[in-house]
Protein backbone atom coordinates (compact mmCIF):
# COMPACT_ATOMS: atom_id res chain seq x y z
CA UNK A 1 -14.99 -233.55 -234.13
CA UNK A 2 -17.40 -232.32 -231.48
CA UNK A 3 -17.58 -234.69 -228.53
CA UNK A 4 -20.35 -234.58 -225.95
CA UNK A 5 -19.19 -236.42 -222.84
CA UNK A 6 -22.30 -237.41 -220.91
CA UNK A 7 -22.27 -238.94 -217.46
CA UNK A 8 -25.05 -241.48 -217.01
CA UNK A 9 -28.17 -240.27 -215.22
CA UNK A 10 -29.07 -241.12 -211.61
CA UNK A 11 -29.12 -244.87 -210.99
CA UNK A 12 -30.54 -247.04 -208.25
CA UNK A 13 -28.23 -248.07 -205.44
CA UNK A 14 -26.61 -251.47 -205.42
CA UNK A 15 -28.91 -254.01 -203.68
CA UNK A 16 -31.98 -251.82 -204.28
CA UNK A 17 -34.68 -253.95 -205.95
CA UNK A 18 -32.40 -256.99 -205.46
CA UNK A 19 -29.77 -255.71 -207.90
CA UNK A 20 -26.53 -257.42 -206.91
CA UNK A 21 -24.16 -256.44 -209.75
CA UNK A 22 -23.02 -252.89 -210.37
CA UNK A 23 -23.32 -253.50 -214.12
CA UNK A 24 -27.07 -254.17 -213.74
CA UNK A 25 -28.06 -251.01 -211.85
CA UNK A 26 -30.99 -249.36 -213.67
CA UNK A 27 -31.90 -245.71 -213.69
CA UNK A 28 -34.18 -244.31 -211.01
CA UNK A 29 -37.37 -242.51 -212.04
CA UNK A 30 -35.44 -239.24 -211.68
CA UNK A 31 -32.63 -240.69 -213.82
CA UNK A 32 -35.12 -241.53 -216.57
CA UNK A 33 -36.44 -237.96 -216.38
CA UNK A 34 -32.87 -236.60 -216.58
CA UNK A 35 -32.21 -238.64 -219.74
CA UNK A 36 -35.44 -237.35 -221.32
CA UNK A 37 -34.46 -233.77 -220.49
CA UNK A 38 -31.05 -234.30 -222.08
CA UNK A 39 -32.64 -235.43 -225.34
CA UNK A 40 -35.10 -232.56 -225.33
CA UNK A 41 -32.37 -230.06 -224.42
CA UNK A 42 -29.97 -231.29 -227.11
CA UNK A 43 -32.67 -231.04 -229.74
CA UNK A 44 -33.88 -227.60 -228.57
CA UNK A 45 -30.33 -226.25 -228.94
CA UNK A 46 -29.90 -227.75 -232.40
CA UNK A 47 -27.22 -230.22 -231.33
CA UNK A 48 -26.81 -233.10 -233.77
CA UNK A 49 -25.02 -236.34 -233.08
CA UNK A 50 -23.48 -238.43 -235.83
CA UNK A 51 -23.10 -241.26 -233.31
CA UNK A 52 -24.13 -242.03 -229.74
CA UNK A 53 -21.84 -244.44 -227.92
CA UNK A 54 -22.66 -246.00 -224.57
CA UNK A 55 -20.81 -247.94 -221.94
CA UNK A 56 -22.09 -251.52 -221.76
CA UNK A 57 -23.41 -250.95 -218.22
CA UNK A 58 -27.21 -250.82 -217.96
CA UNK A 59 -27.48 -247.31 -216.50
CA UNK A 60 -25.41 -245.84 -219.35
CA UNK A 61 -27.38 -247.70 -222.03
CA UNK A 62 -30.65 -246.56 -220.46
CA UNK A 63 -29.39 -242.97 -220.40
CA UNK A 64 -28.45 -243.12 -224.08
CA UNK A 65 -31.77 -244.71 -225.02
CA UNK A 66 -33.64 -242.12 -222.95
CA UNK A 67 -31.87 -239.32 -224.78
CA UNK A 68 -32.84 -240.73 -228.17
CA UNK A 69 -36.41 -241.65 -227.20
CA UNK A 70 -37.18 -237.95 -227.15
CA UNK A 71 -35.20 -237.01 -230.22
CA UNK A 72 -37.82 -235.98 -232.75
CA UNK A 73 -35.90 -236.67 -235.96
CA UNK A 74 -33.20 -238.85 -237.44
CA UNK A 75 -31.66 -240.05 -234.22
CA UNK A 76 -28.50 -242.14 -234.44
CA UNK A 77 -28.58 -245.69 -233.10
CA UNK A 78 -27.06 -246.33 -229.68
CA UNK A 79 -23.79 -248.19 -230.14
CA UNK A 80 -22.44 -250.11 -227.16
CA UNK A 81 -18.75 -249.28 -226.85
CA UNK A 82 -16.63 -251.51 -224.62
CA UNK A 83 -14.01 -248.74 -224.47
CA UNK A 84 -16.48 -246.68 -222.36
CA UNK A 85 -16.74 -249.32 -219.63
CA UNK A 86 -15.23 -248.37 -216.25
CA UNK A 87 -11.42 -248.27 -216.29
CA UNK A 88 -11.40 -247.00 -219.87
CA UNK A 89 -8.10 -246.47 -221.65
CA UNK A 90 -7.94 -243.04 -223.27
CA UNK A 91 -5.84 -244.11 -226.27
CA UNK A 92 -8.19 -247.00 -227.10
CA UNK A 93 -11.27 -244.81 -226.84
CA UNK A 94 -9.62 -242.12 -228.96
CA UNK A 95 -8.80 -244.69 -231.64
CA UNK A 96 -12.41 -245.88 -231.62
CA UNK A 97 -13.64 -242.29 -232.03
CA UNK A 98 -11.25 -241.57 -234.90
CA UNK A 99 -12.62 -244.65 -236.69
CA UNK A 100 -16.19 -243.29 -236.54
CA UNK A 101 -15.64 -240.60 -239.18
CA UNK A 102 -18.57 -238.45 -238.00
CA UNK A 103 -18.54 -234.72 -237.21
CA UNK A 104 -19.99 -235.22 -233.71
CA UNK A 105 -20.48 -237.99 -231.18
CA UNK A 106 -22.06 -238.40 -227.78
CA UNK A 107 -20.32 -240.65 -225.25
CA UNK A 108 -22.33 -241.92 -222.29
CA UNK A 109 -20.12 -243.24 -219.54
CA UNK A 110 -19.02 -243.09 -215.93
CA UNK A 111 -16.99 -241.09 -213.46
CA UNK A 112 -14.14 -240.82 -212.85
CA UNK A 113 -13.32 -242.21 -216.30
CA UNK A 114 -15.11 -239.55 -218.38
CA UNK A 115 -13.56 -236.78 -216.31
CA UNK A 116 -10.10 -238.27 -216.76
CA UNK A 117 -10.68 -238.71 -220.50
CA UNK A 118 -11.72 -235.07 -220.69
CA UNK A 119 -8.52 -234.07 -218.88
CA UNK A 120 -6.48 -236.20 -221.29
CA UNK A 121 -8.18 -234.60 -224.30
CA UNK A 122 -7.35 -231.10 -223.10
CA UNK A 123 -3.78 -232.02 -222.25
CA UNK A 124 -3.29 -233.42 -218.77
CA UNK A 125 -3.10 -236.96 -217.46
CA UNK A 126 -3.49 -235.63 -213.93
CA UNK A 127 -6.57 -233.49 -214.51
CA UNK A 128 -10.00 -234.94 -213.88
CA UNK A 129 -13.08 -232.83 -214.45
CA UNK A 130 -16.08 -233.71 -212.31
CA UNK A 131 -19.30 -234.27 -214.24
CA UNK A 132 -22.60 -234.32 -212.35
CA UNK A 133 -24.94 -237.23 -213.02
CA UNK A 134 -26.50 -236.46 -216.42
CA UNK A 135 -24.00 -233.61 -216.82
CA UNK A 136 -22.47 -232.89 -220.21
CA UNK A 137 -19.14 -231.52 -221.41
CA UNK A 138 -18.58 -230.42 -225.01
CA UNK A 139 -15.05 -230.83 -226.30
CA UNK A 140 -13.98 -229.85 -229.79
CA UNK A 141 -11.03 -231.74 -231.28
CA UNK A 142 -9.23 -231.21 -234.55
CA UNK A 143 -7.98 -234.76 -234.00
CA UNK A 144 -9.00 -236.99 -231.10
CA UNK A 145 -5.63 -237.15 -229.36
CA UNK A 146 -4.09 -236.13 -226.07
CA UNK A 147 -3.95 -232.36 -225.76
CA UNK A 148 -5.84 -231.74 -229.01
CA UNK A 149 -9.20 -230.89 -227.40
CA UNK A 150 -10.73 -227.61 -226.34
CA UNK A 151 -13.34 -227.61 -223.61
CA UNK A 152 -16.20 -225.53 -225.03
CA UNK A 153 -18.65 -225.90 -222.14
CA UNK A 154 -19.55 -227.98 -219.11
CA UNK A 155 -23.10 -228.03 -217.77
CA UNK A 156 -25.20 -229.68 -215.12
CA UNK A 157 -28.40 -231.49 -216.21
CA UNK A 158 -30.54 -228.56 -215.08
CA UNK A 159 -28.85 -226.27 -217.59
CA UNK A 160 -29.19 -228.65 -220.54
CA UNK A 161 -32.99 -228.85 -220.43
């Protein structure tokens, strides 16, 4: 399975526009543009997603929706995945991914969790890879288990578009 680990795009600061809960932070205008560029960039490179999973937090859902809004053909539906919420458990998320039975999936989530999940996939509980906002890492896994992944590439949002 090809996994595309996507950090949510730039979000507004807590208390900006009277947002009081971290879960409710929306994307900034730049964050919306980053999400659009991700969708355009994925499509331009011929990347196909069998599924697109998002953390339940608003900024992640908006990033996922922004990616698909600019996907010209047969876009998957955004699926909210509780396992992508902050403080994710790698084994639970891996189980969820194995149940999907698709050749590729995008996962929109948060740091440091995505970086730690990436480290777990490539074999280390102590490794955490830093993803920029709207950055993407591609990991290929024969099976979605600890140490079974190969990091294919890691890019900043500027390189995706």
